[in-house]
PDB file of N, CA and C in Angstrom:
ATOM      1  N   UNK A   1     -21.132   6.926  12.209  1.00  0.00           N
ATOM      2  CA  UNK A   1     -19.940   7.602  12.099  1.00  0.00           C
ATOM      3  C   UNK A   1     -18.805   7.551  12.197  1.00  0.00           C
ATOM      4  N   UNK A   2     -18.522   7.242  13.600  1.00  0.00           N
ATOM      5  CA  UNK A   2     -17.279   6.737  14.530  1.00  0.00           C
ATOM      6  C   UNK A   2     -16.974   5.560  13.827  1.00  0.00           C
ATOM      7  N   UNK A   3     -17.856   4.495  13.726  1.00  0.00           N
ATOM      8  CA  UNK A   3     -17.269   3.254  13.438  1.00  0.00           C
ATOM      9  C   UNK A   3     -17.240   3.236  12.419  1.00  0.00           C
ATOM     10  N   UNK A   4     -17.679   3.613  10.995  1.00  0.00           N
ATOM     11  CA  UNK A   4     -16.881   4.244   9.825  1.00  0.00           C
ATOM     12  C   UNK A   4     -15.619   3.992   9.813  1.00  0.00           C
ATOM     13  N   UNK A   5     -15.104   5.559  10.211  1.00  0.00           N
ATOM     14  CA  UNK A   5     -13.776   5.900  10.337  1.00  0.00           C
ATOM     15  C   UNK A   5     -12.773   4.687  11.330  1.00  0.00           C
ATOM     16  N   UNK A   6     -13.709   4.163  12.155  1.00  0.00           N
ATOM     17  CA  UNK A   6     -12.420   3.289  12.630  1.00  0.00           C
ATOM     18  C   UNK A   6     -12.693   2.181  12.121  1.00  0.00           C
ATOM     19  N   UNK A   7     -13.120   1.773  11.205  1.00  0.00           N
ATOM     20  CA  UNK A   7     -13.173   0.694  10.372  1.00  0.00           C
ATOM     21  C   UNK A   7     -12.512   0.734   9.232  1.00  0.00           C
ATOM     22  N   UNK A   8     -12.697   1.644   8.690  1.00  0.00           N
ATOM     23  CA  UNK A   8     -11.561   2.380   7.584  1.00  0.00           C
ATOM     24  C   UNK A   8     -10.014   2.211   8.094  1.00  0.00           C
ATOM     25  N   UNK A   9      -9.654   2.917   9.660  1.00  0.00           N
ATOM     26  CA  UNK A   9      -8.352   2.623   9.963  1.00  0.00           C
ATOM     27  C   UNK A   9      -7.415   1.434   9.797  1.00  0.00           C
ATOM     28  N   UNK A  10      -8.761   0.770  10.470  1.00  0.00           N
ATOM     29  CA  UNK A  10      -8.147  -0.564  10.557  1.00  0.00           C
ATOM     30  C   UNK A  10      -7.531  -1.808   9.675  1.00  0.00           C
ATOM     31  N   UNK A  11      -8.682  -0.970   8.114  1.00  0.00           N
ATOM     32  CA  UNK A  11      -8.706  -1.796   6.979  1.00  0.00           C
ATOM     33  C   UNK A  11      -7.525  -1.274   5.722  1.00  0.00           C
ATOM     34  N   UNK A  12      -7.574  -0.145   6.037  1.00  0.00           N
ATOM     35  CA  UNK A  12      -5.197   0.624   5.562  1.00  0.00           C
ATOM     36  C   UNK A  12      -4.807   0.327   6.473  1.00  0.00           C
ATOM     37  N   UNK A  13      -4.387   0.204   7.682  1.00  0.00           N
ATOM     38  CA  UNK A  13      -3.859  -0.273   8.295  1.00  0.00           C
ATOM     39  C   UNK A  13      -3.269  -1.674   7.808  1.00  0.00           C
ATOM     40  N   UNK A  14      -4.681  -2.882   7.935  1.00  0.00           N
ATOM     41  CA  UNK A  14      -4.431  -4.302   7.341  1.00  0.00           C
ATOM     42  C   UNK A  14      -3.575  -4.101   6.064  1.00  0.00           C
ATOM     43  N   UNK A  15      -3.819  -3.406   4.978  1.00  0.00           N
ATOM     44  CA  UNK A  15      -4.025  -3.036   3.911  1.00  0.00           C
ATOM     45  C   UNK A  15      -2.455  -2.728   3.813  1.00  0.00           C
ATOM     46  N   UNK A  16      -2.032  -1.887   4.275  1.00  0.00           N
ATOM     47  CA  UNK A  16      -0.380  -1.691   4.526  1.00  0.00           C
ATOM     48  C   UNK A  16       0.795  -2.663   4.852  1.00  0.00           C
ATOM     49  N   UNK A  17       0.684  -2.979   6.213  1.00  0.00           N
ATOM     50  CA  UNK A  17       0.851  -4.361   6.929  1.00  0.00           C
ATOM     51  C   UNK A  17       0.921  -5.597   5.319  1.00  0.00           C
ATOM     52  N   UNK A  18      -0.185  -5.548   4.463  1.00  0.00           N
ATOM     53  CA  UNK A  18      -0.278  -6.455   3.588  1.00  0.00           C
ATOM     54  C   UNK A  18       0.916  -6.331   2.873  1.00  0.00           C
ATOM     55  N   UNK A  19       0.570  -4.935   2.191  1.00  0.00           N
ATOM     56  CA  UNK A  19       1.667  -4.644   1.483  1.00  0.00           C
ATOM     57  C   UNK A  19       2.991  -4.899   0.973  1.00  0.00           C
ATOM     58  N   UNK A  20       3.692  -4.496   2.644  1.00  0.00           N
ATOM     59  CA  UNK A  20       4.906  -4.550   3.100  1.00  0.00           C
ATOM     60  C   UNK A  20       5.389  -5.998   3.256  1.00  0.00           C
ATOM     61  N   UNK A  21       4.341  -7.008   3.401  1.00  0.00           N
ATOM     62  CA  UNK A  21       4.909  -8.070   3.651  1.00  0.00           C
ATOM     63  C   UNK A  21       4.898  -8.402   2.361  1.00  0.00           C
ATOM     64  N   UNK A  22       3.750  -8.907   1.217  1.00  0.00           N
ATOM     65  CA  UNK A  22       4.683  -8.786  -0.087  1.00  0.00           C
ATOM     66  C   UNK A  22       5.689  -8.662  -0.253  1.00  0.00           C
ATOM     67  N   UNK A  23       5.758  -7.075  -0.615  1.00  0.00           N
ATOM     68  CA  UNK A  23       6.741  -6.819  -0.723  1.00  0.00           C
ATOM     69  C   UNK A  23       8.351  -7.527  -0.077  1.00  0.00           C
ATOM     70  N   UNK A  24       8.286  -7.724   0.913  1.00  0.00           N
ATOM     71  CA  UNK A  24       9.525  -8.334   1.647  1.00  0.00           C
ATOM     72  C   UNK A  24       9.616  -9.899   1.415  1.00  0.00           C
ATOM     73  N   UNK A  25       8.196 -10.625   0.878  1.00  0.00           N
ATOM     74  CA  UNK A  25       8.337 -11.815   0.124  1.00  0.00           C
ATOM     75  C   UNK A  25       8.805 -11.835  -1.057  1.00  0.00           C
ATOM     76  N   UNK A  26       8.149 -10.688  -1.926  1.00  0.00           N
ATOM     77  CA  UNK A  26       8.803 -11.084  -3.244  1.00  0.00           C
ATOM     78  C   UNK A  26      10.520 -10.729  -2.827  1.00  0.00           C
ATOM     79  N   UNK A  27      10.584 -10.162  -2.290  1.00  0.00           N
ATOM     80  CA  UNK A  27      12.482  -9.712  -2.417  1.00  0.00           C
ATOM     81  C   UNK A  27      13.028 -11.475  -1.902  1.00  0.00           C
ATOM     82  N   UNK A  28      12.088 -11.902  -0.763  1.00  0.00           N
ATOM     83  CA  UNK A  28      13.144 -12.953  -0.742  1.00  0.00           C
ATOM     84  C   UNK A  28      13.182 -14.141  -1.447  1.00  0.00           C
ATOM     85  N   UNK A  29      11.904 -14.323  -2.092  1.00  0.00           N
ATOM     86  CA  UNK A  29      12.117 -15.360  -3.040  1.00  0.00           C
ATOM     87  C   UNK A  29      12.751 -14.888  -4.235  1.00  0.00           C
ATOM     88  N   UNK A  30      12.510 -13.580  -4.430  1.00  0.00           N
ATOM     89  CA  UNK A  30      12.972 -13.122  -6.154  1.00  0.00           C
ATOM     90  C   UNK A  30      15.324 -13.504  -5.905  1.00  0.00           C
ATOM     91  N   UNK A  31      15.656 -13.683  -4.671  1.00  0.00           N
ATOM     92  CA  UNK A  31      16.762 -13.575  -4.218  1.00  0.00           C
ATOM     93  C   UNK A  31      17.508 -14.963  -4.692  1.00  0.00           C
ATOM     94  N   UNK A  32      16.569 -15.467  -3.972  1.00  0.00           N
ATOM     95  CA  UNK A  32      16.694 -17.178  -3.872  1.00  0.00           C
ATOM     96  C   UNK A  32      16.600 -17.693  -5.466  1.00  0.00           C
ATOM     97  N   UNK A  33      15.927 -17.442  -6.182  1.00  0.00           N
ATOM     98  CA  UNK A  33      15.663 -17.711  -7.333  1.00  0.00           C
ATOM     99  C   UNK A  33      16.897 -16.622  -8.083  1.00  0.00           C
ATOM    100  N   UNK A  34      17.172 -15.569  -8.248  1.00  0.00           N
ATOM    101  CA  UNK A  34      18.319 -15.311  -8.959  1.00  0.00           C
ATOM    102  C   UNK A  34      19.499 -15.539  -8.361  1.00  0.00           C
ATOM    103  N   UNK A  35      19.632 -15.994  -7.718  1.00  0.00           N
ATOM    104  CA  UNK A  35      20.866 -16.631  -6.985  1.00  0.00           C
ATOM    105  C   UNK A  35      20.579 -18.290  -7.476  1.00  0.00           C
ATOM    106  N   UNK A  36      20.089 -19.211  -7.290  1.00  0.00           N
ATOM    107  CA  UNK A  36      20.010 -20.093  -7.799  1.00  0.00           C
ATOM    108  C   UNK A  36      19.818 -20.609  -9.647  1.00  0.00           C
ATOM    109  N   UNK A  37      19.587 -19.315 -10.344  1.00  0.00           N
ATOM    110  CA  UNK A  37      19.191 -19.631 -11.705  1.00  0.00           C
ATOM    111  C   UNK A  37      20.057 -18.560 -12.374  1.00  0.00           C
ATOM    112  N   UNK A  38      20.701 -17.456 -11.413  1.00  0.00           N
ATOM    113  CA  UNK A  38      21.425 -16.254 -11.976  1.00  0.00           C
ATOM    114  C   UNK A  38      20.496 -15.822 -13.555  1.00  0.00           C
ATOM    115  N   UNK A  39      19.444 -15.710 -13.429  1.00  0.00           N
ATOM    116  CA  UNK A  39      18.604 -15.112 -13.708  1.00  0.00           C
ATOM    117  C   UNK A  39      17.678 -14.042 -12.600  1.00  0.00           C
ATOM    118  N   UNK A  40      17.801 -12.640 -13.871  1.00  0.00           N
ATOM    119  CA  UNK A  40      17.029 -10.875 -13.147  1.00  0.00           C
ATOM    120  C   UNK A  40      16.157 -10.819 -13.563  1.00  0.00           C
ATOM    121  N   UNK A  41      15.193 -11.215 -12.788  1.00  0.00           N
ATOM    122  CA  UNK A  41      13.192 -10.309 -13.524  1.00  0.00           C
ATOM    123  C   UNK A  41      13.438  -8.458 -13.047  1.00  0.00           C
ATOM    124  N   UNK A  42      14.041  -7.998 -13.819  1.00  0.00           N
ATOM    125  CA  UNK A  42      14.242  -6.502 -13.420  1.00  0.00           C
ATOM    126  C   UNK A  42      12.734  -6.100 -13.685  1.00  0.00           C
ATOM    127  N   UNK A  43      12.216  -6.345 -14.378  1.00  0.00           N
ATOM    128  CA  UNK A  43      10.788  -5.731 -14.880  1.00  0.00           C
ATOM    129  C   UNK A  43       9.684  -6.232 -14.042  1.00  0.00           C
ATOM    130  N   UNK A  44       9.803  -7.546 -13.879  1.00  0.00           N
ATOM    131  CA  UNK A  44       8.866  -7.926 -12.976  1.00  0.00           C
ATOM    132  C   UNK A  44       9.115  -7.093 -11.468  1.00  0.00           C
ATOM    133  N   UNK A  45      10.227  -7.065 -11.048  1.00  0.00           N
ATOM    134  CA  UNK A  45      10.690  -6.685 -10.189  1.00  0.00           C
ATOM    135  C   UNK A  45      10.410  -4.639  -9.853  1.00  0.00           C
ATOM    136  N   UNK A  46      10.670  -4.320 -10.921  1.00  0.00           N
ATOM    137  CA  UNK A  46       9.965  -3.342 -10.736  1.00  0.00           C
ATOM    138  C   UNK A  46       8.490  -2.568 -10.824  1.00  0.00           C
ATOM    139  N   UNK A  47       7.677  -3.607 -11.478  1.00  0.00           N
ATOM    140  CA  UNK A  47       6.827  -3.628 -11.082  1.00  0.00           C
ATOM    141  C   UNK A  47       5.598  -3.731  -9.657  1.00  0.00           C
ATOM    142  N   UNK A  48       6.353  -4.961  -8.634  1.00  0.00           N
ATOM    143  CA  UNK A  48       5.947  -5.207  -7.510  1.00  0.00           C
ATOM    144  C   UNK A  48       5.595  -3.797  -7.066  1.00  0.00           C
ATOM    145  N   UNK A  49       7.220  -3.528  -6.988  1.00  0.00           N
ATOM    146  CA  UNK A  49       7.846  -3.240  -6.412  1.00  0.00           C
ATOM    147  C   UNK A  49       7.094  -1.273  -6.978  1.00  0.00           C
ATOM    148  N   UNK A  50       6.591  -0.539  -7.778  1.00  0.00           N
ATOM    149  CA  UNK A  50       6.178   0.524  -8.002  1.00  0.00           C
ATOM    150  C   UNK A  50       4.859   0.184  -7.572  1.00  0.00           C
ATOM    151  N   UNK A  51       4.139  -0.688  -7.620  1.00  0.00           N
ATOM    152  CA  UNK A  51       2.755  -1.053  -7.790  1.00  0.00           C
ATOM    153  C   UNK A  51       2.370  -0.576  -6.146  1.00  0.00           C
ATOM    154  N   UNK A  52       2.738  -2.055  -5.171  1.00  0.00           N
ATOM    155  CA  UNK A  52       2.799  -1.535  -3.831  1.00  0.00           C
ATOM    156  C   UNK A  52       3.345  -0.407  -3.138  1.00  0.00           C
ATOM    157  N   UNK A  53       4.550   0.301  -3.828  1.00  0.00           N
ATOM    158  CA  UNK A  53       4.848   1.276  -3.195  1.00  0.00           C
ATOM    159  C   UNK A  53       3.810   2.417  -3.443  1.00  0.00           C
ATOM    160  N   UNK A  54       3.031   2.130  -4.375  1.00  0.00           N
ATOM    161  CA  UNK A  54       1.721   3.283  -4.697  1.00  0.00           C
ATOM    162  C   UNK A  54       1.058   2.751  -4.020  1.00  0.00           C
ATOM    163  N   UNK A  55       0.830   2.184  -4.206  1.00  0.00           N
ATOM    164  CA  UNK A  55      -0.444   1.399  -2.482  1.00  0.00           C
ATOM    165  C   UNK A  55      -0.415   2.068  -1.276  1.00  0.00           C
ATOM    166  N   UNK A  56       0.732   1.966  -1.014  1.00  0.00           N
ATOM    167  CA  UNK A  56       1.404   2.906   0.494  1.00  0.00           C
ATOM    168  C   UNK A  56       1.237   3.900   0.609  1.00  0.00           C
ATOM    169  N   UNK A  57       1.882   4.543  -0.389  1.00  0.00           N
ATOM    170  CA  UNK A  57       1.913   5.746  -0.390  1.00  0.00           C
ATOM    171  C   UNK A  57       0.469   6.416  -0.294  1.00  0.00           C
ATOM    172  N   UNK A  58      -0.434   6.138  -1.404  1.00  0.00           N
ATOM    173  CA  UNK A  58      -1.918   6.289  -1.172  1.00  0.00           C
ATOM    174  C   UNK A  58      -2.900   6.226  -0.523  1.00  0.00           C
ATOM    175  N   UNK A  59      -2.219   5.483   0.741  1.00  0.00           N
ATOM    176  CA  UNK A  59      -2.927   4.959   2.106  1.00  0.00           C
ATOM    177  C   UNK A  59      -1.888   5.836   2.991  1.00  0.00           C
ATOM    178  N   UNK A  60      -1.338   6.144   2.687  1.00  0.00           N
ATOM    179  CA  UNK A  60      -0.451   7.228   3.876  1.00  0.00           C
ATOM    180  C   UNK A  60      -1.217   8.639   3.854  1.00  0.00           C
ATOM    181  N   UNK A  61      -1.284   9.154   2.104  1.00  0.00           N
ATOM    182  CA  UNK A  61      -1.968  10.541   2.140  1.00  0.00           C
ATOM    183  C   UNK A  61      -3.625  10.044   2.553  1.00  0.00           C
ATOM    184  N   UNK A  62      -4.714   9.110   2.380  1.00  0.00           N
ATOM    185  CA  UNK A  62      -5.209   8.915   2.938  1.00  0.00           C
ATOM    186  C   UNK A  62      -5.652   9.500   4.356  1.00  0.00           C
ATOM    187  N   UNK A  63      -4.578   8.718   5.357  1.00  0.00           N
ATOM    188  CA  UNK A  63      -4.540   8.932   6.100  1.00  0.00           C
ATOM    189  C   UNK A  63      -3.876  10.167   6.559  1.00  0.00           C
ATOM    190  N   UNK A  64      -3.210  10.331   5.944  1.00  0.00           N
ATOM    191  CA  UNK A  64      -2.777  11.707   6.379  1.00  0.00           C
ATOM    192  C   UNK A  64      -3.390  13.378   6.566  1.00  0.00           C
ATOM    193  N   UNK A  65      -4.438  13.269   4.905  1.00  0.00           N
ATOM    194  CA  UNK A  65      -4.919  14.235   5.035  1.00  0.00           C
ATOM    195  C   UNK A  65      -6.216  13.886   5.108  1.00  0.00           C
ATOM    196  N   UNK A  66      -7.171  12.596   5.311  1.00  0.00           N
ATOM    197  CA  UNK A  66      -7.987  12.446   5.795  1.00  0.00           C
ATOM    198  C   UNK A  66      -9.316  12.579   4.382  1.00  0.00           C
ATOM    199  N   UNK A  67      -8.698  12.093   3.160  1.00  0.00           N
ATOM    200  CA  UNK A  67      -9.562  12.371   2.040  1.00  0.00           C
ATOM    201  C   UNK A  67     -10.767  11.402   2.250  1.00  0.00           C
ATOM    202  N   UNK A  68     -10.709  10.517   2.914  1.00  0.00           N
ATOM    203  CA  UNK A  68     -12.071  10.224   2.924  1.00  0.00           C
ATOM    204  C   UNK A  68     -13.202  10.889   3.462  1.00  0.00           C
ATOM    205  N   UNK A  69     -13.178  11.689   4.175  1.00  0.00           N
ATOM    206  CA  UNK A  69     -14.427  12.477   4.912  1.00  0.00           C
ATOM    207  C   UNK A  69     -14.295  14.064   3.856  1.00  0.00           C
ATOM    208  N   UNK A  70     -15.560  13.793   3.386  1.00  0.00           N
ATOM    209  CA  UNK A  70     -16.384  15.005   2.541  1.00  0.00           C
ATOM    210  C   UNK A  70     -17.085  15.453   2.943  1.00  0.00           C
ATOM    211  N   UNK A  71     -17.282  16.670   2.893  1.00  0.00           N
ATOM    212  CA  UNK A  71     -19.267  17.352   2.882  1.00  0.00           C
ATOM    213  C   UNK A  71     -19.784  16.607   2.185  1.00  0.00           C
ATOM    214  N   UNK A  72     -21.152  17.327   2.408  1.00  0.00           N
ATOM    215  CA  UNK A  72     -22.232  16.675   1.917  1.00  0.00           C
ATOM    216  C   UNK A  72     -22.352  17.111   0.273  1.00  0.00           C
ATOM    217  N   UNK A  73     -21.828  18.957  -0.038  1.00  0.00           N
ATOM    218  CA  UNK A  73     -21.350  18.942  -1.161  1.00  0.00           C
ATOM    219  C   UNK A  73     -20.406  18.869  -2.333  1.00  0.00           C
ATOM    220  N   UNK A  74     -19.494  17.976  -1.732  1.00  0.00           N
ATOM    221  CA  UNK A  74     -18.550  17.510  -2.753  1.00  0.00           C
ATOM    222  C   UNK A  74     -17.292  17.715  -2.025  1.00  0.00           C
ATOM    223  N   UNK A  75     -17.071  18.715  -1.545  1.00  0.00           N
ATOM    224  CA  UNK A  75     -15.519  19.740  -0.917  1.00  0.00           C
ATOM    225  C   UNK A  75     -15.062  18.503   0.297  1.00  0.00           C
ATOM    226  N   UNK A  76     -13.953  18.279  -0.256  1.00  0.00           N
ATOM    227  CA  UNK A  76     -13.048  17.771   1.381  1.00  0.00           C
ATOM    228  C   UNK A  76     -13.462  18.432   2.595  1.00  0.00           C
ATOM    229  N   UNK A  77     -13.186  18.062   3.953  1.00  0.00           N
ATOM    230  CA  UNK A  77     -13.029  19.226   4.857  1.00  0.00           C
ATOM    231  C   UNK A  77     -12.006  19.360   5.033  1.00  0.00           C
ATOM    232  N   UNK A  78     -11.892  20.635   6.298  1.00  0.00           N
ATOM    233  CA  UNK A  78     -10.596  20.923   6.762  1.00  0.00           C
ATOM    234  C   UNK A  78      -9.888  19.872   7.924  1.00  0.00           C
ATOM    235  N   UNK A  79     -10.803  19.338   8.463  1.00  0.00           N
ATOM    236  CA  UNK A  79     -10.828  19.306   9.680  1.00  0.00           C
ATOM    237  C   UNK A  79     -10.559  17.705   9.683  1.00  0.00           C
TER     238      UNK A  79
END
């Protein structure tokens, strides 16, 4: 059981790092393209930020409230 818990922690940490990296890379690339072409991609930027921010928030909630742990009868555990 501890192996599964540790692997989930590592995979969530990797995914959060991946999400932050994607947002940073997108911001840099969008800044460069919008400076060169003078065209702003507002809708795409909103979608990218919204998706990855939502994913980071969900991962944080999983880590905080330990939603990945459940009892045998399907209820969430308190510990």
